Amino acid sequence: MLAAYLLASPLAIVSGIFIERSYGFSHDQAIDFYILFTLPASLMFIGIVVSSLSFDSNRDSSLFLRIRFSVKQILITKIGFYFVLNGSFFLAGLAISFVVGVMIFDSTDPISLSWMLWGLFFYFVGSIFWVGLMSFTSAIFEGAVASVLLTLAIVLGIPIISGILTTIELLMRGLIETPPNNWQNVSYVAKIMEWWPAGTGDATAFFGVTQSEIAADKITIQFQEVELDPFFRVKPLISSLLATPLLMAYAWHKFSTREI
């Protein structure tokens, strides 16, 4: 996992060097590329954590842990360790991309550190939700493979299904020609998905907010220009803060009552 995060930094830098030769490249784009290249590391993080939490899949390992520690101690130790580890690796790669990007790319339009801190807040709150979700899926099945597949089905499946349902809804209502950045204003499915906790991930765009974007009060997210508002993902932030304790409570109850 460390290699995946640290590899994302040189990939972002090398990509920027090649792009700069033809089109120009700024240091904030290096951050955007780094965030993009960390997606494989995020999927790896999901697989490792879910597999670790599925300790009941191995009866001998499960008995060893349960005899010596309480379920609460096991879950807190595993979750805390991987949460800190993942956050540390991400920050290390982000720092490398930022420093190197400033040194070798155009930095006349500097990144706002205050917005970067705001992005970090959303990132870590989102990470807490993912930990809660992975605890939940690990508790449903004893096997690690089934738990990993269920987690990926939720992480990848819900956005895909919602996108399909939104398109079908707009077709049925004759609103398909509505610009995509206005879908959340006319589609009922899109309005519901505004509360999907994983939506806090869009706030990673705050890592590369520049002074010119602050002056224009606009930022590009997923190829769409939106208003630069620190609370534009407050709905998924609220839902993640509400859902995470429930997911963790279910996981603790399920692990505590499971027969080995």
C-alpha atoms as a PDB file:
ATOM      1  CA  MET A   1       0.000   0.000   0.000  1.00  0.00           C
ATOM      2  CA  LEU A   2       2.918   2.345   0.729  1.00  0.00           C
ATOM      3  CA  ALA A   3       4.353   1.613  -2.708  1.00  0.00           C
ATOM      4  CA  ALA A   4       0.996   2.343  -4.352  1.00  0.00           C
ATOM      5  CA  TYR A   5       0.718   5.766  -2.713  1.00  0.00           C
ATOM      6  CA  LEU A   6       4.352   6.721  -3.256  1.00  0.00           C
ATOM      7  CA  LEU A   7       4.180   5.524  -6.855  1.00  0.00           C
ATOM      8  CA  ALA A   8       1.229   7.843  -7.453  1.00  0.00           C
ATOM      9  CA  SER A   9       3.480  10.865  -6.823  1.00  0.00           C
ATOM     10  CA  PRO A  10       6.147  10.145  -9.470  1.00  0.00           C
ATOM     11  CA  LEU A  11       3.413   9.108 -11.905  1.00  0.00           C
ATOM     12  CA  ALA A  12       1.745  12.487 -11.433  1.00  0.00           C
ATOM     13  CA  ILE A  13       5.072  14.310 -11.830  1.00  0.00           C
ATOM     14  CA  VAL A  14       6.158  12.341 -14.905  1.00  0.00           C
ATOM     15  CA  SER A  15       2.743  12.797 -16.519  1.00  0.00           C
ATOM     16  CA  GLY A  16       3.016  16.523 -15.859  1.00  0.00           C
ATOM     17  CA  ILE A  17       6.457  16.707 -17.456  1.00  0.00           C
ATOM     18  CA  PHE A  18       5.215  15.116 -20.682  1.00  0.00           C
ATOM     19  CA  ILE A  19       2.044  17.219 -20.776  1.00  0.00           C
ATOM     20  CA  GLU A  20       3.988  20.420 -20.071  1.00  0.00           C
ATOM     21  CA  ARG A  21       6.008  19.963 -23.250  1.00  0.00           C
ATOM     22  CA  SER A  22       2.908  20.417 -25.383  1.00  0.00           C
ATOM     23  CA  TYR A  23       0.192  22.162 -23.419  1.00  0.00           C
ATOM     24  CA  GLY A  24       1.677  23.603 -20.234  1.00  0.00           C
ATOM     25  CA  PHE A  25       1.219  22.238 -16.746  1.00  0.00           C
ATOM     26  CA  SER A  26       0.789  23.923 -13.375  1.00  0.00           C
ATOM     27  CA  HIS A  27       1.593  22.678  -9.891  1.00  0.00           C
ATOM     28  CA  ASP A  28      -2.089  22.429  -8.894  1.00  0.00           C
ATOM     29  CA  GLN A  29      -2.627  19.974 -11.757  1.00  0.00           C
ATOM     30  CA  ALA A  30       0.099  17.770 -10.247  1.00  0.00           C
ATOM     31  CA  ILE A  31      -2.087  17.495  -7.128  1.00  0.00           C
ATOM     32  CA  ASP A  32      -5.114  16.620  -9.274  1.00  0.00           C
ATOM     33  CA  PHE A  33      -3.147  13.901 -11.049  1.00  0.00           C
ATOM     34  CA  TYR A  34      -1.886  12.548  -7.735  1.00  0.00           C
ATOM     35  CA  ILE A  35      -5.459  12.230  -6.419  1.00  0.00           C
ATOM     36  CA  LEU A  36      -6.396  10.395  -9.623  1.00  0.00           C
ATOM     37  CA  PHE A  37      -3.470   7.977  -9.382  1.00  0.00           C
ATOM     38  CA  THR A  38      -4.262   7.117  -5.752  1.00  0.00           C
ATOM     39  CA  LEU A  39      -7.474   5.313  -6.788  1.00  0.00           C
ATOM     40  CA  PRO A  40      -5.695   1.917  -7.096  1.00  0.00           C
ATOM     41  CA  ALA A  41      -4.198   2.467  -3.638  1.00  0.00           C
ATOM     42  CA  SER A  42      -7.668   3.203  -2.269  1.00  0.00           C
ATOM     43  CA  LEU A  43      -9.018  -0.052  -3.699  1.00  0.00           C
ATOM     44  CA  MET A  44      -6.018  -1.866  -2.245  1.00  0.00           C
ATOM     45  CA  PHE A  45      -6.771  -0.251   1.112  1.00  0.00           C
ATOM     46  CA  ILE A  46     -10.325  -1.595   0.965  1.00  0.00           C
ATOM     47  CA  GLY A  47      -9.136  -5.111   0.213  1.00  0.00           C
ATOM     48  CA  ILE A  48      -6.508  -5.136   2.966  1.00  0.00           C
ATOM     49  CA  VAL A  49      -8.787  -3.717   5.672  1.00  0.00           C
ATOM     50  CA  VAL A  50     -11.753  -5.938   4.844  1.00  0.00           C
ATOM     51  CA  SER A  51      -9.517  -9.012   4.774  1.00  0.00           C
ATOM     52  CA  SER A  52      -8.009  -8.030   8.121  1.00  0.00           C
ATOM     53  CA  LEU A  53     -11.426  -7.517   9.703  1.00  0.00           C
ATOM     54  CA  SER A  54     -12.622 -10.884   8.394  1.00  0.00           C
ATOM     55  CA  PHE A  55     -10.536 -12.641  11.040  1.00  0.00           C
ATOM     56  CA  ASP A  56     -13.309 -15.172  11.658  1.00  0.00           C
ATOM     57  CA  SER A  57     -12.647 -16.699   8.245  1.00  0.00           C
ATOM     58  CA  ASN A  58      -9.720 -18.555   9.844  1.00  0.00           C
ATOM     59  CA  ARG A  59     -10.959 -20.487  12.870  1.00  0.00           C
ATOM     60  CA  ASP A  60      -7.544 -20.849  14.503  1.00  0.00           C
ATOM     61  CA  SER A  61      -6.722 -17.163  14.086  1.00  0.00           C
ATOM     62  CA  SER A  62     -10.161 -16.208  15.340  1.00  0.00           C
ATOM     63  CA  LEU A  63      -9.871 -18.328  18.477  1.00  0.00           C
ATOM     64  CA  PHE A  64      -6.371 -16.981  19.145  1.00  0.00           C
ATOM     65  CA  LEU A  65      -7.595 -13.383  19.032  1.00  0.00           C
ATOM     66  CA  ARG A  66     -10.923 -13.861  20.786  1.00  0.00           C
ATOM     67  CA  ILE A  67      -9.404 -15.758  23.722  1.00  0.00           C
ATOM     68  CA  ARG A  68      -6.852 -13.021  24.394  1.00  0.00           C
ATOM     69  CA  PHE A  69      -8.754  -9.863  23.477  1.00  0.00           C
ATOM     70  CA  SER A  70     -12.296  -8.548  23.484  1.00  0.00           C
ATOM     71  CA  VAL A  71     -14.073  -7.894  20.199  1.00  0.00           C
ATOM     72  CA  LYS A  72     -13.927  -4.177  20.967  1.00  0.00           C
ATOM     73  CA  GLN A  73     -10.150  -4.285  21.385  1.00  0.00           C
ATOM     74  CA  ILE A  74      -9.700  -6.280  18.181  1.00  0.00           C
ATOM     75  CA  LEU A  75     -11.818  -3.936  16.075  1.00  0.00           C
ATOM     76  CA  ILE A  76     -10.391  -0.708  17.505  1.00  0.00           C
ATOM     77  CA  THR A  77      -6.800  -1.914  17.073  1.00  0.00           C
ATOM     78  CA  LYS A  78      -7.254  -3.100  13.498  1.00  0.00           C
ATOM     79  CA  ILE A  79      -9.333  -0.130  12.388  1.00  0.00           C
ATOM     80  CA  GLY A  80      -7.127   2.433  14.125  1.00  0.00           C
ATOM     81  CA  PHE A  81      -3.924   0.945  12.734  1.00  0.00           C
ATOM     82  CA  TYR A  82      -5.064   0.887   9.115  1.00  0.00           C
ATOM     83  CA  PHE A  83      -6.777   4.280   9.334  1.00  0.00           C
ATOM     84  CA  VAL A  84      -3.570   5.929  10.578  1.00  0.00           C
ATOM     85  CA  LEU A  85      -1.442   3.969   8.114  1.00  0.00           C
ATOM     86  CA  ASN A  86      -3.575   4.906   5.111  1.00  0.00           C
ATOM     87  CA  GLY A  87      -3.751   8.556   6.157  1.00  0.00           C
ATOM     88  CA  SER A  88       0.012   8.750   6.678  1.00  0.00           C
ATOM     89  CA  PHE A  89       0.773   7.223   3.274  1.00  0.00           C
ATOM     90  CA  PHE A  90      -1.710   9.541   1.549  1.00  0.00           C
ATOM     91  CA  LEU A  91      -0.263  12.636   3.224  1.00  0.00           C
ATOM     92  CA  ALA A  92       3.292  11.577   2.375  1.00  0.00           C
ATOM     93  CA  GLY A  93       2.447  11.237  -1.297  1.00  0.00           C
ATOM     94  CA  LEU A  94       0.476  14.495  -1.268  1.00  0.00           C
ATOM     95  CA  ALA A  95       3.412  16.359   0.287  1.00  0.00           C
ATOM     96  CA  ILE A  96       5.840  14.964  -2.283  1.00  0.00           C
ATOM     97  CA  SER A  97       3.548  15.935  -5.171  1.00  0.00           C
ATOM     98  CA  PHE A  98       3.035  19.415  -3.763  1.00  0.00           C
ATOM     99  CA  VAL A  99       6.708  20.185  -3.097  1.00  0.00           C
ATOM    100  CA  VAL A 100       8.028  18.734  -6.348  1.00  0.00           C
ATOM    101  CA  GLY A 101       5.177  20.332  -8.294  1.00  0.00           C
ATOM    102  CA  VAL A 102       6.024  23.774  -6.939  1.00  0.00           C
ATOM    103  CA  MET A 103       9.702  23.260  -7.785  1.00  0.00           C
ATOM    104  CA  ILE A 104       9.398  22.140 -11.413  1.00  0.00           C
ATOM    105  CA  PHE A 105       6.005  23.360 -12.676  1.00  0.00           C
ATOM    106  CA  ASP A 106       4.402  26.771 -13.083  1.00  0.00           C
ATOM    107  CA  SER A 107       3.484  28.100  -9.639  1.00  0.00           C
ATOM    108  CA  THR A 108       2.579  31.685 -10.496  1.00  0.00           C
ATOM    109  CA  ASP A 109      -0.983  30.896  -9.431  1.00  0.00           C
ATOM    110  CA  PRO A 110      -0.341  29.409  -5.968  1.00  0.00           C
ATOM    111  CA  ILE A 111      -2.497  26.840  -4.209  1.00  0.00           C
ATOM    112  CA  SER A 112      -4.507  28.022  -1.218  1.00  0.00           C
ATOM    113  CA  LEU A 113      -3.311  26.192   1.888  1.00  0.00           C
ATOM    114  CA  SER A 114      -6.532  27.018   3.747  1.00  0.00           C
ATOM    115  CA  TRP A 115      -8.589  25.259   1.081  1.00  0.00           C
ATOM    116  CA  MET A 116      -6.159  22.352   1.137  1.00  0.00           C
ATOM    117  CA  LEU A 117      -6.781  21.968   4.876  1.00  0.00           C
ATOM    118  CA  TRP A 118     -10.509  22.045   4.214  1.00  0.00           C
ATOM    119  CA  GLY A 119     -10.016  19.265   1.681  1.00  0.00           C
ATOM    120  CA  LEU A 120      -8.087  17.241   4.261  1.00  0.00           C
ATOM    121  CA  PHE A 121     -11.002  17.589   6.670  1.00  0.00           C
ATOM    122  CA  PHE A 122     -13.412  16.119   4.126  1.00  0.00           C
ATOM    123  CA  TYR A 123     -10.895  13.432   3.204  1.00  0.00           C
ATOM    124  CA  PHE A 124     -10.485  12.144   6.753  1.00  0.00           C
ATOM    125  CA  VAL A 125     -14.210  12.317   7.509  1.00  0.00           C
ATOM    126  CA  GLY A 126     -14.790  10.321   4.328  1.00  0.00           C
ATOM    127  CA  SER A 127     -12.130   7.824   5.407  1.00  0.00           C
ATOM    128  CA  ILE A 128     -13.942   7.315   8.714  1.00  0.00           C
ATOM    129  CA  PHE A 129     -17.107   6.449   6.778  1.00  0.00           C
ATOM    130  CA  TRP A 130     -15.205   3.947   4.629  1.00  0.00           C
ATOM    131  CA  VAL A 131     -13.831   2.305   7.763  1.00  0.00           C
ATOM    132  CA  GLY A 132     -17.364   2.028   9.130  1.00  0.00           C
ATOM    133  CA  LEU A 133     -18.625   0.587   5.853  1.00  0.00           C
ATOM    134  CA  MET A 134     -15.808  -1.967   5.711  1.00  0.00           C
ATOM    135  CA  SER A 135     -16.518  -2.992   9.310  1.00  0.00           C
ATOM    136  CA  PHE A 136     -20.162  -3.457   8.346  1.00  0.00           C
ATOM    137  CA  THR A 137     -19.459  -5.598   5.279  1.00  0.00           C
ATOM    138  CA  SER A 138     -16.852  -7.654   7.158  1.00  0.00           C
ATOM    139  CA  ALA A 139     -19.424  -8.448   9.829  1.00  0.00           C
ATOM    140  CA  ILE A 140     -22.025  -9.720   7.367  1.00  0.00           C
ATOM    141  CA  PHE A 141     -19.903 -12.557   5.993  1.00  0.00           C
ATOM    142  CA  GLU A 142     -17.232 -14.622   7.700  1.00  0.00           C
ATOM    143  CA  GLY A 143     -15.265 -15.128   4.489  1.00  0.00           C
ATOM    144  CA  ALA A 144     -12.842 -12.415   3.385  1.00  0.00           C
ATOM    145  CA  VAL A 145     -13.568 -12.820  -0.337  1.00  0.00           C
ATOM    146  CA  ALA A 146     -17.323 -12.387   0.073  1.00  0.00           C
ATOM    147  CA  SER A 147     -16.803  -9.340   2.291  1.00  0.00           C
ATOM    148  CA  VAL A 148     -14.413  -7.708  -0.186  1.00  0.00           C
ATOM    149  CA  LEU A 149     -16.793  -8.340  -3.086  1.00  0.00           C
ATOM    150  CA  LEU A 150     -19.727  -6.903  -1.141  1.00  0.00           C
ATOM    151  CA  THR A 151     -17.701  -3.793  -0.275  1.00  0.00           C
ATOM    152  CA  LEU A 152     -16.678  -3.244  -3.898  1.00  0.00           C
ATOM    153  CA  ALA A 153     -20.277  -3.827  -5.006  1.00  0.00           C
ATOM    154  CA  ILE A 154     -21.410  -1.023  -2.707  1.00  0.00           C
ATOM    155  CA  VAL A 155     -18.523   1.327  -3.491  1.00  0.00           C
ATOM    156  CA  LEU A 156     -18.712   0.895  -7.269  1.00  0.00           C
ATOM    157  CA  GLY A 157     -22.239  -0.381  -7.785  1.00  0.00           C
ATOM    158  CA  ILE A 158     -24.309   2.329  -6.115  1.00  0.00           C
ATOM    159  CA  PRO A 159     -22.860   5.229  -8.188  1.00  0.00           C
ATOM    160  CA  ILE A 160     -23.221   3.198 -11.406  1.00  0.00           C
ATOM    161  CA  ILE A 161     -26.807   2.174 -10.646  1.00  0.00           C
ATOM    162  CA  SER A 162     -27.755   5.706  -9.617  1.00  0.00           C
ATOM    163  CA  GLY A 163     -26.295   7.067 -12.860  1.00  0.00           C
ATOM    164  CA  ILE A 164     -28.346   4.604 -14.905  1.00  0.00           C
ATOM    165  CA  LEU A 165     -31.513   5.341 -12.923  1.00  0.00           C
ATOM    166  CA  THR A 166     -30.973   9.089 -13.270  1.00  0.00           C
ATOM    167  CA  THR A 167     -30.621   8.768 -17.043  1.00  0.00           C
ATOM    168  CA  ILE A 168     -33.762   6.620 -17.282  1.00  0.00           C
ATOM    169  CA  GLU A 169     -35.707   9.063 -15.103  1.00  0.00           C
ATOM    170  CA  LEU A 170     -34.703  12.059 -17.213  1.00  0.00           C
ATOM    171  CA  LEU A 171     -35.612  10.173 -20.404  1.00  0.00           C
ATOM    172  CA  MET A 172     -39.044   9.276 -19.030  1.00  0.00           C
ATOM    173  CA  ARG A 173     -39.679  12.871 -17.919  1.00  0.00           C
ATOM    174  CA  GLY A 174     -38.349  14.425 -21.152  1.00  0.00           C
ATOM    175  CA  LEU A 175     -35.523  16.222 -19.337  1.00  0.00           C
ATOM    176  CA  ILE A 176     -32.576  14.346 -20.807  1.00  0.00           C
ATOM    177  CA  GLU A 177     -31.211  17.490 -22.504  1.00  0.00           C
ATOM    178  CA  THR A 178     -30.727  19.164 -19.128  1.00  0.00           C
ATOM    179  CA  PRO A 179     -27.013  20.009 -18.612  1.00  0.00           C
ATOM    180  CA  PRO A 180     -25.372  17.391 -16.351  1.00  0.00           C
ATOM    181  CA  ASN A 181     -24.408  20.005 -13.757  1.00  0.00           C
ATOM    182  CA  ASN A 182     -28.128  20.726 -13.274  1.00  0.00           C
ATOM    183  CA  TRP A 183     -29.290  17.124 -12.971  1.00  0.00           C
ATOM    184  CA  GLN A 184     -29.335  17.318  -9.179  1.00  0.00           C
ATOM    185  CA  ASN A 185     -31.881  20.125  -9.486  1.00  0.00           C
ATOM    186  CA  VAL A 186     -34.378  18.205 -11.654  1.00  0.00           C
ATOM    187  CA  SER A 187     -33.768  14.498 -10.960  1.00  0.00           C
ATOM    188  CA  TYR A 188     -35.202  12.865  -7.860  1.00  0.00           C
ATOM    189  CA  VAL A 189     -32.569  10.122  -7.992  1.00  0.00           C
ATOM    190  CA  ALA A 190     -29.769  12.701  -8.219  1.00  0.00           C
ATOM    191  CA  LYS A 191     -31.242  14.591  -5.276  1.00  0.00           C
ATOM    192  CA  ILE A 192     -31.219  11.418  -3.188  1.00  0.00           C
ATOM    193  CA  MET A 193     -27.639  10.669  -4.227  1.00  0.00           C
ATOM    194  CA  GLU A 194     -26.573  14.071  -2.927  1.00  0.00           C
ATOM    195  CA  TRP A 195     -26.822  12.418   0.500  1.00  0.00           C
ATOM    196  CA  TRP A 196     -24.650   9.416  -0.439  1.00  0.00           C
ATOM    197  CA  PRO A 197     -21.811   9.571   2.161  1.00  0.00           C
ATOM    198  CA  ALA A 198     -19.102   8.783  -0.366  1.00  0.00           C
ATOM    199  CA  GLY A 199     -19.903  12.115  -2.018  1.00  0.00           C
ATOM    200  CA  THR A 200     -17.452  13.734   0.394  1.00  0.00           C
ATOM    201  CA  GLY A 201     -14.745  12.377  -1.925  1.00  0.00           C
ATOM    202  CA  ASP A 202     -15.530  15.171  -4.396  1.00  0.00           C
ATOM    203  CA  ALA A 203     -14.030  17.586  -1.878  1.00  0.00           C
ATOM    204  CA  THR A 204     -10.560  16.296  -2.786  1.00  0.00           C
ATOM    205  CA  ALA A 205     -10.780  18.988  -5.470  1.00  0.00           C
ATOM    206  CA  PHE A 206     -10.104  21.452  -2.634  1.00  0.00           C
ATOM    207  CA  PHE A 207      -6.496  20.217  -2.525  1.00  0.00           C
ATOM    208  CA  GLY A 208      -5.711  22.152  -5.714  1.00  0.00           C
ATOM    209  CA  VAL A 209      -7.744  25.344  -5.317  1.00  0.00           C
ATOM    210  CA  THR A 210      -5.688  28.273  -6.635  1.00  0.00           C
ATOM    211  CA  GLN A 211      -5.885  31.980  -5.955  1.00  0.00           C
ATOM    212  CA  SER A 212      -7.414  32.635  -9.387  1.00  0.00           C
ATOM    213  CA  GLU A 213     -10.176  30.119  -8.680  1.00  0.00           C
ATOM    214  CA  ILE A 214     -10.854  31.840  -5.360  1.00  0.00           C
ATOM    215  CA  ALA A 215     -11.126  35.175  -7.197  1.00  0.00           C
ATOM    216  CA  ALA A 216     -13.470  33.667  -9.788  1.00  0.00           C
ATOM    217  CA  ASP A 217     -15.402  31.793  -7.071  1.00  0.00           C
ATOM    218  CA  LYS A 218     -15.513  28.765  -9.390  1.00  0.00           C
ATOM    219  CA  ILE A 219     -13.885  25.329  -9.382  1.00  0.00           C
ATOM    220  CA  THR A 220     -13.961  22.390 -11.780  1.00  0.00           C
ATOM    221  CA  ILE A 221     -15.088  19.066 -10.305  1.00  0.00           C
ATOM    222  CA  GLN A 222     -15.549  15.983 -12.477  1.00  0.00           C
ATOM    223  CA  PHE A 223     -15.308  18.154 -15.621  1.00  0.00           C
ATOM    224  CA  GLN A 224     -18.092  20.424 -14.348  1.00  0.00           C
ATOM    225  CA  GLU A 225     -17.675  23.996 -13.193  1.00  0.00           C
ATOM    226  CA  VAL A 226     -19.341  24.612  -9.848  1.00  0.00           C
ATOM    227  CA  GLU A 227     -19.403  27.415  -7.330  1.00  0.00           C
ATOM    228  CA  LEU A 228     -16.501  27.396  -4.892  1.00  0.00           C
ATOM    229  CA  ASP A 229     -18.400  26.669  -1.707  1.00  0.00           C
ATOM    230  CA  PRO A 230     -16.778  24.936   1.297  1.00  0.00           C
ATOM    231  CA  PHE A 231     -20.121  23.350   2.147  1.00  0.00           C
ATOM    232  CA  PHE A 232     -21.066  22.099  -1.307  1.00  0.00           C
ATOM    233  CA  ARG A 233     -20.755  18.530   0.018  1.00  0.00           C
ATOM    234  CA  VAL A 234     -22.256  19.178   3.430  1.00  0.00           C
ATOM    235  CA  LYS A 235     -25.127  16.728   2.759  1.00  0.00           C
ATOM    236  CA  PRO A 236     -22.898  13.644   2.352  1.00  0.00           C
ATOM    237  CA  LEU A 237     -20.805  14.962   5.247  1.00  0.00           C
ATOM    238  CA  ILE A 238     -23.859  14.927   7.517  1.00  0.00           C
ATOM    239  CA  SER A 239     -25.029  11.520   6.304  1.00  0.00           C
ATOM    240  CA  SER A 240     -21.563  10.008   6.781  1.00  0.00           C
ATOM    241  CA  LEU A 241     -21.367  11.324  10.338  1.00  0.00           C
ATOM    242  CA  LEU A 242     -24.795   9.804  11.050  1.00  0.00           C
ATOM    243  CA  ALA A 243     -24.232   6.501   9.234  1.00  0.00           C
ATOM    244  CA  THR A 244     -20.751   5.658  10.525  1.00  0.00           C
ATOM    245  CA  PRO A 245     -21.714   5.077  14.201  1.00  0.00           C
ATOM    246  CA  LEU A 246     -24.646   2.906  13.088  1.00  0.00           C
ATOM    247  CA  LEU A 247     -22.434   0.807  10.829  1.00  0.00           C
ATOM    248  CA  MET A 248     -19.825   0.424  13.569  1.00  0.00           C
ATOM    249  CA  ALA A 249     -22.464  -0.508  16.157  1.00  0.00           C
ATOM    250  CA  TYR A 250     -23.871  -3.190  13.870  1.00  0.00           C
ATOM    251  CA  ALA A 251     -20.392  -4.571  13.210  1.00  0.00           C
ATOM    252  CA  TRP A 252     -19.565  -4.711  16.922  1.00  0.00           C
ATOM    253  CA  HIS A 253     -22.884  -6.442  17.698  1.00  0.00           C
ATOM    254  CA  LYS A 254     -22.453  -8.941  14.868  1.00  0.00           C
ATOM    255  CA  PHE A 255     -18.883  -9.832  15.811  1.00  0.00           C
ATOM    256  CA  SER A 256     -19.794 -10.083  19.507  1.00  0.00           C
ATOM    257  CA  THR A 257     -22.683 -12.490  18.956  1.00  0.00           C
ATOM    258  CA  ARG A 258     -21.095 -14.636  16.236  1.00  0.00           C
ATOM    259  CA  GLU A 259     -20.501 -18.252  17.168  1.00  0.00           C
ATOM    260  CA  ILE A 260     -17.122 -19.722  16.261  1.00  0.00           C
END
